[in-house]
Protein backbone atom coordinates (compact mmCIF):
# COMPACT_ATOMS: atom_id res chain seq x y z
CA MET A 1 -31.19 -52.53 74.22
CA ASP A 2 -29.71 -55.14 71.84
CA LEU A 3 -31.44 -58.38 70.87
CA LEU A 4 -29.39 -60.51 73.26
CA GLY A 5 -30.28 -58.25 76.16
CA GLU A 6 -33.95 -58.43 75.28
CA ASN A 7 -33.80 -62.22 75.05
CA VAL A 8 -32.08 -62.45 78.43
CA LEU A 9 -34.72 -60.27 80.10
CA PHE A 10 -37.52 -62.26 78.46
CA ALA A 11 -35.98 -65.59 79.51
CA PHE A 12 -35.47 -64.32 83.07
CA GLY A 13 -39.05 -63.03 83.20
CA LEU A 14 -40.41 -66.43 82.16
CA THR A 15 -38.28 -68.13 84.81
CA LEU A 16 -39.51 -65.70 87.45
CA PHE A 17 -43.12 -66.39 86.42
CA ALA A 18 -42.60 -70.17 86.62
CA GLY A 19 -40.87 -70.03 90.00
CA LEU A 20 -43.26 -67.64 91.70
CA SER A 21 -46.31 -69.68 90.70
CA THR A 22 -45.74 -71.36 94.07
CA GLY A 23 -47.66 -68.31 95.31
CA ILE A 24 -50.77 -69.57 93.49
CA GLY A 25 -50.56 -72.85 95.40
CA SER A 26 -50.08 -70.89 98.59
CA ILE A 27 -53.27 -68.88 97.99
CA ILE A 28 -55.20 -72.09 97.29
CA GLY A 29 -53.89 -73.61 100.51
CA LEU A 30 -54.71 -70.55 102.60
CA PHE A 31 -58.20 -69.76 101.34
CA ALA A 32 -59.71 -72.97 99.96
CA LYS A 33 -61.57 -75.24 102.35
CA GLN A 34 -60.88 -78.30 100.23
CA THR A 35 -58.39 -79.26 97.55
CA ASN A 36 -60.00 -79.75 94.14
CA THR A 37 -58.32 -83.05 93.33
CA LYS A 38 -59.84 -83.34 89.87
CA ILE A 39 -58.41 -80.04 88.66
CA LEU A 40 -55.03 -80.76 90.25
CA SER A 41 -54.89 -84.25 88.74
CA ILE A 42 -55.67 -82.98 85.23
CA ALA A 43 -53.31 -80.01 85.56
CA LEU A 44 -50.37 -82.11 86.77
CA GLY A 45 -50.99 -84.70 84.05
CA PHE A 46 -51.15 -81.90 81.46
CA SER A 47 -47.87 -80.46 82.73
CA ALA A 48 -46.21 -83.90 82.49
CA GLY A 49 -47.51 -84.34 78.94
CA VAL A 50 -46.10 -81.00 77.85
CA MET A 51 -42.72 -81.71 79.45
CA ILE A 52 -42.32 -85.24 78.10
CA TYR A 53 -43.40 -84.38 74.56
CA VAL A 54 -41.37 -81.23 74.21
CA SER A 55 -38.32 -82.89 75.78
CA MET A 56 -38.27 -85.91 73.48
CA VAL A 57 -39.57 -84.34 70.27
CA GLU A 58 -38.01 -80.87 70.36
CA ILE A 59 -35.34 -80.30 73.00
CA PHE A 60 -33.48 -83.60 72.60
CA VAL A 61 -33.49 -83.26 68.81
CA LYS A 62 -32.14 -79.70 68.95
CA ALA A 63 -29.41 -80.78 71.34
CA ASP A 64 -28.45 -83.65 69.04
CA ASP A 65 -28.40 -81.34 66.00
CA ALA A 66 -26.11 -78.87 67.77
CA LEU A 67 -23.70 -81.50 69.08
CA THR A 68 -23.47 -83.51 65.85
CA ALA A 69 -22.77 -80.27 63.98
CA GLU A 70 -19.87 -79.67 66.36
CA LEU A 71 -18.58 -83.21 66.88
CA GLY A 72 -19.89 -85.32 64.01
CA ASP A 73 -21.28 -88.77 64.83
CA ASN A 74 -19.80 -88.59 68.33
CA GLY A 75 -22.26 -85.78 69.06
CA SER A 76 -25.13 -88.26 69.32
CA TRP A 77 -23.28 -90.18 72.02
CA ILE A 78 -22.65 -86.95 73.94
CA THR A 79 -26.32 -86.02 73.58
CA VAL A 80 -27.45 -89.31 75.11
CA ALA A 81 -24.86 -89.04 77.89
CA ALA A 82 -25.98 -85.48 78.74
CA PHE A 83 -29.65 -86.56 78.65
CA PHE A 84 -29.10 -89.27 81.26
CA GLY A 85 -26.70 -86.99 83.10
CA GLY A 86 -29.59 -84.56 83.59
CA MET A 87 -31.68 -87.40 85.00
CA LEU A 88 -28.85 -88.35 87.34
CA LEU A 89 -28.51 -84.77 88.59
CA ILE A 90 -32.16 -84.42 89.54
CA ALA A 91 -32.19 -87.94 91.03
CA ILE A 92 -29.23 -87.05 93.28
CA ILE A 93 -31.02 -83.88 94.41
CA ASP A 94 -34.14 -85.92 95.22
CA LYS A 95 -32.02 -88.45 97.12
CA PHE A 96 -30.88 -85.80 99.58
CA VAL A 97 -34.41 -84.53 100.26
CA PRO A 98 -35.96 -86.44 103.21
CA SER A 99 -39.20 -88.12 102.15
CA SER A 100 -41.14 -86.56 105.03
CA GLU A 101 -40.22 -83.08 103.77
CA ASN A 102 -40.25 -83.90 100.07
CA PRO A 103 -42.16 -81.18 98.21
CA HIS A 104 -43.89 -83.82 96.11
CA GLU A 105 -45.36 -85.75 99.02
CA ILE A 106 -49.10 -85.24 98.80
CA ARG A 107 -50.61 -82.68 101.18
CA ARG A 108 -54.11 -81.34 100.79
CA VAL A 109 -55.84 -78.46 102.52
CA GLU A 110 -58.01 -80.79 104.59
CA ASP A 111 -55.28 -83.27 105.50
CA LEU A 112 -53.93 -81.52 108.58
CA GLU A 113 -57.30 -81.50 110.28
CA SER A 114 -58.28 -85.04 109.29
CA ASP A 115 -54.94 -86.39 110.56
CA GLN A 116 -55.79 -85.36 114.12
CA PRO A 117 -57.17 -88.02 116.50
CA GLU A 118 -60.95 -88.04 116.68
CA GLY A 119 -62.36 -85.74 119.30
CA THR A 120 -59.32 -83.49 119.55
CA LYS A 121 -58.16 -80.38 117.74
CA THR A 122 -54.61 -80.52 119.12
CA ILE A 123 -51.98 -79.75 116.51
CA ASP A 124 -48.21 -80.05 117.09
CA LYS A 125 -47.40 -76.54 115.93
CA SER A 126 -43.62 -76.84 116.24
CA LYS A 127 -43.64 -79.99 114.11
CA LEU A 128 -45.86 -78.35 111.50
CA ALA A 129 -43.67 -75.24 111.36
CA ARG A 130 -40.57 -77.40 110.93
CA MET A 131 -42.26 -79.40 108.16
CA GLY A 132 -43.23 -76.22 106.33
CA MET A 133 -39.76 -74.68 106.61
CA LEU A 134 -37.98 -77.85 105.50
CA THR A 135 -40.43 -78.23 102.63
CA ALA A 136 -39.63 -74.67 101.54
CA LEU A 137 -35.89 -75.48 101.69
CA ALA A 138 -36.40 -78.73 99.78
CA ILE A 139 -38.37 -76.95 97.06
CA GLY A 140 -35.70 -74.28 96.84
CA ILE A 141 -32.97 -76.89 96.25
CA HIS A 142 -35.14 -78.93 93.91
CA ASN A 143 -36.25 -76.02 91.74
CA PHE A 144 -32.75 -74.67 91.16
CA PRO A 145 -32.06 -76.82 88.04
CA GLU A 146 -35.62 -76.21 86.83
CA GLY A 147 -34.86 -72.49 86.73
CA LEU A 148 -31.77 -73.12 84.64
CA ALA A 149 -33.82 -75.37 82.33
CA THR A 150 -36.51 -72.73 81.77
CA PHE A 151 -34.00 -69.93 81.28
CA THR A 152 -31.80 -71.86 78.84
CA SER A 153 -34.77 -72.96 76.75
CA ALA A 154 -36.25 -69.48 76.59
CA LEU A 155 -32.90 -67.90 75.73
CA LYS A 156 -32.40 -70.17 72.73
CA ASP A 157 -36.04 -70.37 71.60
CA PRO A 158 -38.55 -67.96 73.23
CA SER A 159 -41.65 -69.84 72.03
CA LEU A 160 -40.27 -73.09 73.45
CA GLY A 161 -39.45 -71.28 76.67
CA ILE A 162 -43.05 -70.16 77.06
CA ALA A 163 -44.34 -73.74 76.81
CA ILE A 164 -41.80 -75.00 79.36
CA ALA A 165 -42.45 -72.08 81.74
CA VAL A 166 -46.20 -72.76 81.74
CA ALA A 167 -45.65 -76.49 82.36
CA ILE A 168 -43.27 -75.83 85.25
CA ALA A 169 -45.60 -73.16 86.66
CA ILE A 170 -48.42 -75.74 86.83
CA HIS A 171 -45.98 -78.16 88.43
CA ASN A 172 -45.07 -75.58 91.10
CA ILE A 173 -48.63 -74.88 92.26
CA PRO A 174 -48.96 -77.91 94.59
CA GLU A 175 -45.47 -77.19 95.89
CA GLY A 176 -46.66 -73.80 97.11
CA LEU A 177 -49.57 -75.50 98.84
CA ALA A 178 -47.17 -77.97 100.51
CA VAL A 179 -45.26 -75.07 102.08
CA SER A 180 -48.10 -72.76 103.05
CA VAL A 181 -50.54 -75.21 104.66
CA PRO A 182 -48.33 -76.48 107.52
CA ILE A 183 -46.88 -73.02 108.24
CA TYR A 184 -50.34 -71.47 108.37
CA TYR A 185 -51.67 -74.18 110.70
CA ALA A 186 -48.62 -73.74 112.91
CA THR A 187 -48.65 -69.94 113.13
CA GLY A 188 -52.14 -68.85 112.13
CA ASP A 189 -50.43 -66.17 110.03
CA ARG A 190 -51.52 -66.18 106.38
CA MET A 191 -48.95 -63.59 105.34
CA LYS A 192 -46.08 -65.56 106.86
CA ALA A 193 -47.24 -68.75 105.17
CA PHE A 194 -47.57 -66.98 101.83
CA PHE A 195 -44.16 -65.33 102.24
CA TYR A 196 -42.28 -68.60 102.76
CA SER A 197 -44.15 -70.27 99.93
CA PHE A 198 -43.39 -67.34 97.63
CA LEU A 199 -39.76 -67.30 98.77
CA SER A 200 -39.27 -70.98 97.94
CA GLY A 201 -40.11 -70.22 94.31
CA LEU A 202 -37.30 -67.66 94.04
CA SER A 203 -34.75 -70.45 93.65
CA GLU A 204 -35.78 -70.84 90.01
CA PRO A 205 -34.86 -67.30 88.89
CA ILE A 206 -31.76 -67.53 91.13
CA GLY A 207 -30.79 -70.73 89.31
CA ALA A 208 -31.29 -68.92 86.02
CA LEU A 209 -29.20 -65.94 87.13
CA ILE A 210 -26.29 -68.07 88.37
CA GLY A 211 -26.42 -70.17 85.22
CA PHE A 212 -26.36 -67.04 83.10
CA LEU A 213 -23.42 -65.49 84.93
CA ILE A 214 -21.36 -68.70 84.83
CA LEU A 215 -22.20 -70.01 81.38
CA MET A 216 -22.79 -66.99 79.15
CA PRO A 217 -19.09 -66.14 78.67
CA PHE A 218 -18.60 -69.66 77.28
CA PHE A 219 -21.95 -70.07 75.54
CA ASN A 220 -21.57 -71.78 72.15
CA ASP A 221 -23.24 -74.62 70.25
CA PHE A 222 -21.40 -77.27 72.27
CA ILE A 223 -22.45 -75.83 75.66
CA TYR A 224 -25.95 -75.24 74.30
CA GLY A 225 -26.23 -78.87 73.15
CA ILE A 226 -25.05 -80.23 76.52
CA LEU A 227 -27.44 -77.97 78.41
CA PHE A 228 -30.41 -78.76 76.20
CA ALA A 229 -29.86 -82.52 76.40
CA SER A 230 -29.53 -82.25 80.20
CA VAL A 231 -32.69 -80.13 80.38
CA ALA A 232 -34.57 -82.81 78.45
CA GLY A 233 -33.41 -85.45 80.92
CA ILE A 234 -34.34 -83.32 83.92
CA MET A 235 -37.83 -82.65 82.59
CA VAL A 236 -38.55 -86.28 81.68
CA PHE A 237 -37.38 -87.41 85.13
CA ILE A 238 -39.54 -84.80 86.88
CA SER A 239 -42.56 -85.87 84.85
CA LEU A 240 -42.18 -89.60 85.46
CA ASP A 241 -40.95 -89.49 89.05
CA GLU A 242 -43.02 -86.63 90.41
CA LEU A 243 -45.83 -85.22 88.29
CA LEU A 244 -47.59 -88.41 87.21
CA PRO A 245 -47.31 -90.22 90.57
CA THR A 246 -48.49 -87.05 92.33
CA ALA A 247 -51.45 -86.71 89.97
CA ARG A 248 -52.46 -90.32 90.57
CA GLU A 249 -52.06 -89.99 94.34
CA TYR A 250 -54.67 -87.24 94.31
CA GLY A 251 -57.11 -90.06 93.61
CA GLU A 252 -57.86 -89.35 89.95
CA PRO A 253 -55.66 -91.78 87.96
CA HIS A 254 -57.65 -91.71 84.71
CA LEU A 255 -57.94 -87.93 84.77
CA SER A 256 -54.17 -87.61 85.10
CA ILE A 257 -53.70 -89.69 81.94
CA TYR A 258 -56.31 -87.62 80.09
CA GLY A 259 -54.37 -84.55 81.19
CA LEU A 260 -51.12 -86.16 80.02
CA VAL A 261 -52.48 -86.89 76.54
CA SER A 262 -54.04 -83.41 76.34
CA GLY A 263 -50.72 -81.82 77.25
CA MET A 264 -48.96 -83.81 74.53
CA MET A 265 -51.60 -82.86 71.95
CA VAL A 266 -51.46 -79.16 72.81
CA MET A 267 -47.65 -79.22 72.67
CA ALA A 268 -47.68 -81.08 69.34
CA VAL A 269 -50.10 -78.61 67.75
CA SER A 270 -48.19 -75.60 69.10
CA LEU A 271 -44.93 -77.00 67.69
CA LEU A 272 -46.56 -77.38 64.27
CA LEU A 273 -48.15 -73.93 64.33
CA PHE A 274 -45.60 -71.71 66.01
CA MET A 275 -42.15 -73.34 66.01
């Protein structure tokens, strides 16, 4: 197998790992009696720190280098336009996801019981099932560009791809919980809940595969620069709009910031040591 083929398989494997980490969240939701908010808050803050730092310090710079090499000074303008274009893309996707089914609305293991009126155990199972299915669909749509981001990064720079895949994997854990908990409470079937949660994560490798099939015939420094700048915008938007607010909503605001700074520090040191 040639080097390009190996890089493609490696990049696809990382994307598959990141996407299917929704299964970890599903397992937590199905077998834990309570959500450990401290760990989730730190982990989500850490993921945001990694994404923001690597986007602004590494990915944006590489995109600018590639585009200025192709277009001269105009390349910097294209880099900035693609960066905010990535933000616009993910914002539009979020706009079409109803807030009640948004995968980043906070749901904890204990929430569905505590939401019931005192003295009753009645649960609207059809409503819960619908919420779980729509959440799975929302996650599938939302994670599609994330898969392309992970794949593109890993294809161009495998070490950078690893860092991004780990950050997105952490980000996907509470999404898996958001799918599995309502489906399990509605059906009582752990396997069904895990299946739909796991399935929702497949949109990331599917996004990578479609991106590969469409873009690889035209892949050059210009396309690479546009993609990388857009990826940076997508990841910064996800961090600021979803990860940090979600971490704070878990009730641990200071821990989320400690996680954020830790993620930035780890990413900074890894860039100095390995990239």
